[in-house]
Amino acid sequence: MTNSSPAAIAHYNPMLGSATWTRVQPFVDETIAERCADMSERQVDEHQRSLAFFGDWIVQTGMVELHEALSEDIIDVYTVDRAKEIVPVMAERERKMLRRLAGIAPSVEKRAVSTSSEPERPYSDDELAIFQHWASYQRTDHQRAACMAIFALGVGCGLSSGEILAVRGSALLDLDGVLAVRVARDGRIVPVVDRWEECFAKVMADNPTDALVVAPHATHRYGAMQHILRTSKGDLKPTAARLRMTWLVAHLEAGTPLAALLPASGMTSTDSLRRAMSFVRPMSALRAYEVLRMMGAAQ
């Protein structure tokens, strides 16, 4: 067997957009170097390719951060989604490679695929009302401010977990009455949805300095979000991934043009919206006729 070389790993270049690959490459390179030392170059290439596409999906959906992505549940959700693009047998083969990269021991499994989309399902209005109350009434001002920031930046601006953790007070903007956030990762500016403007305004009031708005004193940023959610008061707590999905689906149902939504979401391809589209509620025939006629559209 010919073992993989660092040079082969370094020169790997997948069929991904350059911006996405820049974000995904460190995750891919580090994982491959750690897990594939005993593989042939052909095997390494296959595992790199599978991991690169998996990383792209993680970045585009914002489900979790890359360092948290190689878990059994996330891999299973991805496999179901991937099987819509390639034949199921190939998706299952990629799943086995991802599980190996995750260090998950091979086993005989009986998977319930029917519930695999649950981690991304957008929240209902009733759930959002519960989370708004959860964010507003915590034991301490510190917890309340952190929970409100997670809620408002997630459902109001569609930020991922990592993006929320990187927001500073100086990135909360009032642009002549339009409240918005500047995302540290790429500098994009995302205005808050009107429905959640009051929550966003509370976050601004809580953070008048340049400090991080969520867990400013946490030395281990990777676990900061989980720690806040775990120690907060309440039986039902949100996740950043589902808050982001709620934001995405709300925009799709409202008819926000993709030319505005894609840049605001930080996504690089409309392919990334396919999963969100599966949650969009059907439109009545009458309403569909109205929008298809483009009534009121510019001539």
Protein backbone atom coordinates (compact mmCIF):
# COMPACT_ATOMS: atom_id res chain seq x y z
CA MET A 1 0.00 0.00 0.00
CA THR A 2 1.25 3.48 -0.87
CA ASN A 3 0.64 5.78 2.06
CA SER A 4 -0.72 9.27 1.49
CA SER A 5 1.76 12.15 1.51
CA PRO A 6 1.38 15.63 3.01
CA ALA A 7 1.99 17.04 -0.46
CA ALA A 8 -0.95 15.12 -1.90
CA ILE A 9 -3.20 16.43 0.86
CA ALA A 10 -1.95 20.00 0.45
CA HIS A 11 -2.58 20.06 -3.31
CA TYR A 12 -6.09 18.63 -3.16
CA ASN A 13 -8.56 21.02 -4.78
CA PRO A 14 -12.27 20.06 -4.85
CA MET A 15 -15.01 21.33 -7.14
CA LEU A 16 -16.19 23.95 -4.66
CA GLY A 17 -16.38 27.72 -4.80
CA SER A 18 -13.14 29.35 -3.70
CA ALA A 19 -14.80 31.21 -0.81
CA THR A 20 -16.33 28.02 0.55
CA TRP A 21 -13.15 26.00 0.10
CA THR A 22 -11.18 28.64 2.00
CA ARG A 23 -13.44 28.03 5.01
CA VAL A 24 -13.59 24.25 4.64
CA GLN A 25 -9.97 23.46 3.76
CA PRO A 26 -8.43 23.65 7.27
CA PHE A 27 -11.13 21.28 8.56
CA VAL A 28 -10.57 18.86 5.66
CA ASP A 29 -6.77 18.96 5.82
CA GLU A 30 -6.62 18.49 9.59
CA THR A 31 -9.12 15.61 9.59
CA ILE A 32 -7.49 13.81 6.66
CA ALA A 33 -4.01 14.16 8.16
CA GLU A 34 -5.24 12.75 11.47
CA ARG A 35 -7.39 9.88 10.18
CA CYS A 36 -5.93 8.79 6.83
CA ALA A 37 -2.25 8.18 7.49
CA ASP A 38 -2.56 4.45 6.71
CA MET A 39 -4.57 4.86 3.49
CA SER A 40 -3.48 4.70 -0.12
CA GLU A 41 -3.52 7.89 -2.18
CA ARG A 42 -6.67 6.71 -3.95
CA GLN A 43 -8.44 6.17 -0.63
CA VAL A 44 -7.27 9.53 0.66
CA ASP A 45 -8.62 11.21 -2.46
CA GLU A 46 -12.01 9.56 -1.97
CA HIS A 47 -12.17 10.55 1.69
CA GLN A 48 -11.06 14.12 0.92
CA ARG A 49 -13.71 14.50 -1.73
CA SER A 50 -16.47 13.15 0.51
CA LEU A 51 -15.35 15.32 3.44
CA ALA A 52 -15.11 18.45 1.26
CA PHE A 53 -18.70 18.10 0.04
CA PHE A 54 -19.82 17.37 3.60
CA GLY A 55 -18.00 20.47 4.83
CA ASP A 56 -19.59 22.55 2.08
CA TRP A 57 -23.04 21.36 3.18
CA ILE A 58 -22.26 22.17 6.82
CA VAL A 59 -21.16 25.70 5.90
CA GLN A 60 -24.12 26.36 3.64
CA THR A 61 -26.79 25.06 6.00
CA GLY A 62 -25.20 26.49 9.15
CA MET A 63 -26.44 23.43 11.02
CA VAL A 64 -23.38 23.25 13.28
CA GLU A 65 -19.82 24.51 13.30
CA LEU A 66 -17.28 22.49 11.31
CA HIS A 67 -15.44 21.28 14.40
CA GLU A 68 -18.73 19.77 15.65
CA ALA A 69 -19.85 18.33 12.31
CA LEU A 70 -18.42 14.80 12.42
CA SER A 71 -21.05 13.34 14.71
CA GLU A 72 -23.28 10.36 14.03
CA ASP A 73 -26.55 12.29 13.89
CA ILE A 74 -25.24 15.06 11.62
CA ILE A 75 -23.70 12.54 9.22
CA ASP A 76 -27.03 10.71 8.99
CA VAL A 77 -28.94 13.92 8.22
CA TYR A 78 -26.40 14.79 5.53
CA THR A 79 -26.63 11.31 4.00
CA VAL A 80 -30.37 11.61 3.51
CA ASP A 81 -29.90 15.01 1.87
CA ARG A 82 -26.98 13.78 -0.21
CA ALA A 83 -29.07 10.89 -1.55
CA LYS A 84 -31.21 13.47 -3.33
CA GLU A 85 -28.18 14.49 -5.42
CA ILE A 86 -26.46 11.15 -6.05
CA VAL A 87 -27.66 7.55 -6.12
CA PRO A 88 -28.45 6.25 -2.61
CA VAL A 89 -25.78 3.54 -2.73
CA MET A 90 -23.09 6.18 -3.34
CA ALA A 91 -24.50 8.38 -0.56
CA GLU A 92 -24.29 5.40 1.78
CA ARG A 93 -20.70 4.77 0.71
CA GLU A 94 -19.83 8.39 1.52
CA ARG A 95 -21.55 7.98 4.86
CA LYS A 96 -19.26 5.07 5.73
CA MET A 97 -16.22 7.17 4.84
CA LEU A 98 -17.45 10.07 6.98
CA ARG A 99 -18.08 7.73 9.90
CA ARG A 100 -14.54 6.42 9.57
CA LEU A 101 -13.20 9.99 9.56
CA ALA A 102 -15.30 10.65 12.67
CA GLY A 103 -13.75 7.65 14.42
CA ILE A 104 -17.12 5.89 14.71
CA ALA A 105 -16.70 2.12 14.87
CA PRO A 106 -18.45 0.09 12.14
CA SER A 107 -21.63 -1.54 13.39
CA VAL A 108 -24.83 -3.18 12.26
CA GLU A 109 -27.37 -0.38 12.30
CA LYS A 110 -31.09 0.12 11.97
CA ARG A 111 -31.57 3.77 11.14
CA ALA A 112 -34.86 5.60 11.29
CA VAL A 113 -34.47 7.84 8.26
CA SER A 114 -37.97 9.28 8.57
CA THR A 115 -36.94 11.59 11.42
CA SER A 116 -33.61 12.62 9.96
CA SER A 117 -34.71 16.13 9.00
CA GLU A 118 -35.77 17.01 12.54
CA PRO A 119 -32.52 18.77 13.58
CA GLU A 120 -33.14 21.47 10.96
CA ARG A 121 -36.91 21.90 11.17
CA PRO A 122 -37.90 25.58 11.49
CA TYR A 123 -39.65 26.60 14.68
CA SER A 124 -43.38 27.22 14.85
CA ASP A 125 -44.83 30.52 16.01
CA ASP A 126 -45.75 28.91 19.34
CA GLU A 127 -42.17 27.73 19.83
CA LEU A 128 -40.80 31.16 18.94
CA ALA A 129 -43.07 32.75 21.54
CA ILE A 130 -41.69 30.34 24.15
CA PHE A 131 -38.11 31.17 23.15
CA GLN A 132 -38.72 34.91 23.24
CA HIS A 133 -40.00 34.50 26.80
CA TRP A 134 -37.03 32.22 27.59
CA ALA A 135 -34.61 34.88 26.34
CA SER A 136 -36.34 37.64 28.29
CA TYR A 137 -36.53 35.98 31.69
CA GLN A 138 -33.32 34.36 32.87
CA ARG A 139 -31.83 34.15 36.35
CA THR A 140 -29.19 36.83 35.81
CA ASP A 141 -28.73 39.84 33.54
CA HIS A 142 -25.68 38.12 32.02
CA GLN A 143 -27.71 35.04 31.05
CA ARG A 144 -30.61 37.13 29.78
CA ALA A 145 -28.34 39.23 27.56
CA ALA A 146 -26.63 36.15 26.12
CA CYS A 147 -29.88 34.28 25.48
CA MET A 148 -31.51 37.32 23.88
CA ALA A 149 -28.49 37.76 21.60
CA ILE A 150 -28.61 34.12 20.50
CA PHE A 151 -32.34 34.38 19.83
CA ALA A 152 -32.38 37.76 18.06
CA LEU A 153 -29.29 37.18 15.91
CA GLY A 154 -30.46 33.68 14.98
CA VAL A 155 -34.12 34.17 14.10
CA GLY A 156 -33.83 37.88 13.28
CA CYS A 157 -30.68 37.84 11.12
CA GLY A 158 -30.07 34.19 10.25
CA LEU A 159 -26.59 33.95 11.77
CA SER A 160 -25.00 30.56 12.42
CA SER A 161 -23.70 29.53 15.84
CA GLY A 162 -20.12 30.53 15.07
CA GLU A 163 -21.19 33.84 13.58
CA ILE A 164 -23.26 34.69 16.66
CA LEU A 165 -20.32 33.92 18.95
CA ALA A 166 -18.11 36.31 16.95
CA VAL A 167 -20.48 39.32 17.09
CA ARG A 168 -19.24 42.34 19.06
CA GLY A 169 -21.22 45.30 20.30
CA SER A 170 -19.66 47.52 17.64
CA ALA A 171 -21.09 45.22 14.93
CA LEU A 172 -24.68 46.01 15.99
CA LEU A 173 -25.64 48.84 13.66
CA ASP A 174 -28.33 51.48 13.40
CA LEU A 175 -28.26 52.57 9.76
CA ASP A 176 -30.59 55.56 9.79
CA GLY A 177 -33.26 53.58 11.58
CA VAL A 178 -32.49 50.22 9.98
CA LEU A 179 -31.11 47.88 12.65
CA ALA A 180 -28.52 45.43 11.32
CA VAL A 181 -25.49 43.34 12.20
CA ARG A 182 -22.11 43.19 10.50
CA VAL A 183 -20.88 39.58 10.35
CA ALA A 184 -17.22 39.27 11.35
CA ARG A 185 -16.45 36.34 9.06
CA ASP A 186 -17.10 38.09 5.74
CA GLY A 187 -18.20 41.62 6.59
CA ARG A 188 -21.71 41.21 5.19
CA ILE A 189 -24.41 43.39 6.73
CA VAL A 190 -27.74 41.75 7.56
CA PRO A 191 -30.76 43.84 8.63
CA VAL A 192 -32.97 42.33 11.29
CA VAL A 193 -36.45 41.15 10.31
CA ASP A 194 -39.00 43.74 11.46
CA ARG A 195 -40.83 41.19 13.60
CA TRP A 196 -37.73 40.79 15.80
CA GLU A 197 -36.53 44.40 15.80
CA GLU A 198 -37.50 44.95 19.43
CA CYS A 199 -35.45 41.92 20.52
CA PHE A 200 -32.49 43.16 18.47
CA ALA A 201 -32.80 46.61 20.06
CA LYS A 202 -32.50 44.97 23.49
CA VAL A 203 -29.29 43.29 22.36
CA MET A 204 -27.94 46.68 21.25
CA ALA A 205 -28.85 48.23 24.58
CA ASP A 206 -27.15 45.37 26.44
CA ASN A 207 -23.92 45.76 24.46
CA PRO A 208 -22.77 49.40 24.20
CA THR A 209 -19.06 48.47 24.03
CA ASP A 210 -16.88 46.51 21.59
CA ALA A 211 -17.00 43.35 23.72
CA LEU A 212 -18.35 40.06 22.41
CA VAL A 213 -22.11 39.98 22.93
CA VAL A 214 -22.27 36.26 23.84
CA ALA A 215 -20.05 34.85 26.58
CA PRO A 216 -17.44 37.63 26.39
CA HIS A 217 -15.30 36.07 29.12
CA ALA A 218 -15.36 32.48 27.82
CA THR A 219 -11.84 31.30 27.03
CA HIS A 220 -13.02 28.24 25.10
CA ARG A 221 -15.23 29.68 22.37
CA TYR A 222 -16.10 26.31 20.83
CA GLY A 223 -18.20 25.28 23.82
CA ALA A 224 -19.55 28.71 24.76
CA MET A 225 -22.90 28.38 23.01
CA GLN A 226 -23.60 24.92 24.42
CA HIS A 227 -22.64 26.06 27.92
CA ILE A 228 -25.03 29.03 27.80
CA LEU A 229 -27.92 26.93 26.54
CA ARG A 230 -27.24 24.11 29.00
CA THR A 231 -27.08 26.39 32.05
CA SER A 232 -30.01 28.61 31.07
CA LYS A 233 -33.39 28.32 32.77
CA GLY A 234 -36.16 26.59 30.85
CA ASP A 235 -37.31 23.18 29.68
CA LEU A 236 -37.34 24.05 25.97
CA LYS A 237 -34.29 25.78 24.48
CA PRO A 238 -33.51 26.80 20.89
CA THR A 239 -30.59 25.82 18.71
CA ALA A 240 -28.81 28.27 16.44
CA ALA A 241 -29.24 25.95 13.44
CA ARG A 242 -33.03 25.85 13.72
CA LEU A 243 -33.28 29.58 14.42
CA ARG A 244 -31.31 30.16 11.21
CA MET A 245 -33.54 27.74 9.31
CA THR A 246 -36.61 29.57 10.65
CA TRP A 247 -35.17 32.83 9.30
CA LEU A 248 -34.44 31.27 5.90
CA VAL A 249 -37.89 29.71 5.52
CA ALA A 250 -39.59 32.95 6.61
CA HIS A 251 -37.76 34.83 3.85
CA LEU A 252 -38.58 32.19 1.24
CA GLU A 253 -42.25 32.24 2.18
CA ALA A 254 -42.26 36.04 2.08
CA GLY A 255 -40.82 36.01 -1.44
CA THR A 256 -37.52 37.72 -0.60
CA PRO A 257 -35.54 37.84 -3.89
CA LEU A 258 -32.66 35.38 -3.99
CA ALA A 259 -30.38 38.19 -5.15
CA ALA A 260 -30.83 39.66 -1.65
CA LEU A 261 -31.25 36.48 0.40
CA LEU A 262 -28.18 34.55 -0.77
CA PRO A 263 -25.63 37.26 0.12
CA ALA A 264 -27.39 37.99 3.41
CA SER A 265 -27.33 34.32 4.38
CA GLY A 266 -23.64 33.92 3.58
CA MET A 267 -24.45 31.14 1.13
CA THR A 268 -22.69 30.82 -2.20
CA SER A 269 -25.17 28.70 -4.16
CA THR A 270 -28.93 28.30 -4.54
CA ASP A 271 -28.36 24.56 -4.10
CA SER A 272 -28.01 25.29 -0.40
CA LEU A 273 -31.62 26.46 -0.24
CA ARG A 274 -33.03 23.12 -1.35
CA ARG A 275 -33.36 21.84 2.19
CA ALA A 276 -35.03 25.05 3.36
CA MET A 277 -37.46 24.81 0.44
CA SER A 278 -38.69 21.47 1.75
CA PHE A 279 -40.13 23.34 4.76
CA VAL A 280 -41.87 26.11 2.79
CA ARG A 281 -45.65 25.85 3.12
CA PRO A 282 -47.68 25.35 -0.08
CA MET A 283 -49.19 28.47 -1.61
CA SER A 284 -52.87 28.70 -2.46
CA ALA A 285 -53.74 28.48 -6.15
CA LEU A 286 -55.14 32.03 -6.16
CA ARG A 287 -52.01 33.46 -4.55
CA ALA A 288 -49.82 31.47 -6.94
CA TYR A 289 -51.68 32.91 -9.92
CA GLU A 290 -51.18 36.44 -8.57
CA VAL A 291 -47.43 36.12 -8.11
CA LEU A 292 -46.93 34.29 -11.40
CA ARG A 293 -48.66 37.15 -13.21
CA MET A 294 -46.08 39.49 -11.61
CA MET A 295 -48.79 41.99 -10.75
CA GLY A 296 -47.20 45.21 -9.55
CA ALA A 297 -43.75 44.21 -10.77
CA ALA A 298 -41.60 46.80 -12.49
CA GLN A 299 -42.11 46.91 -16.24
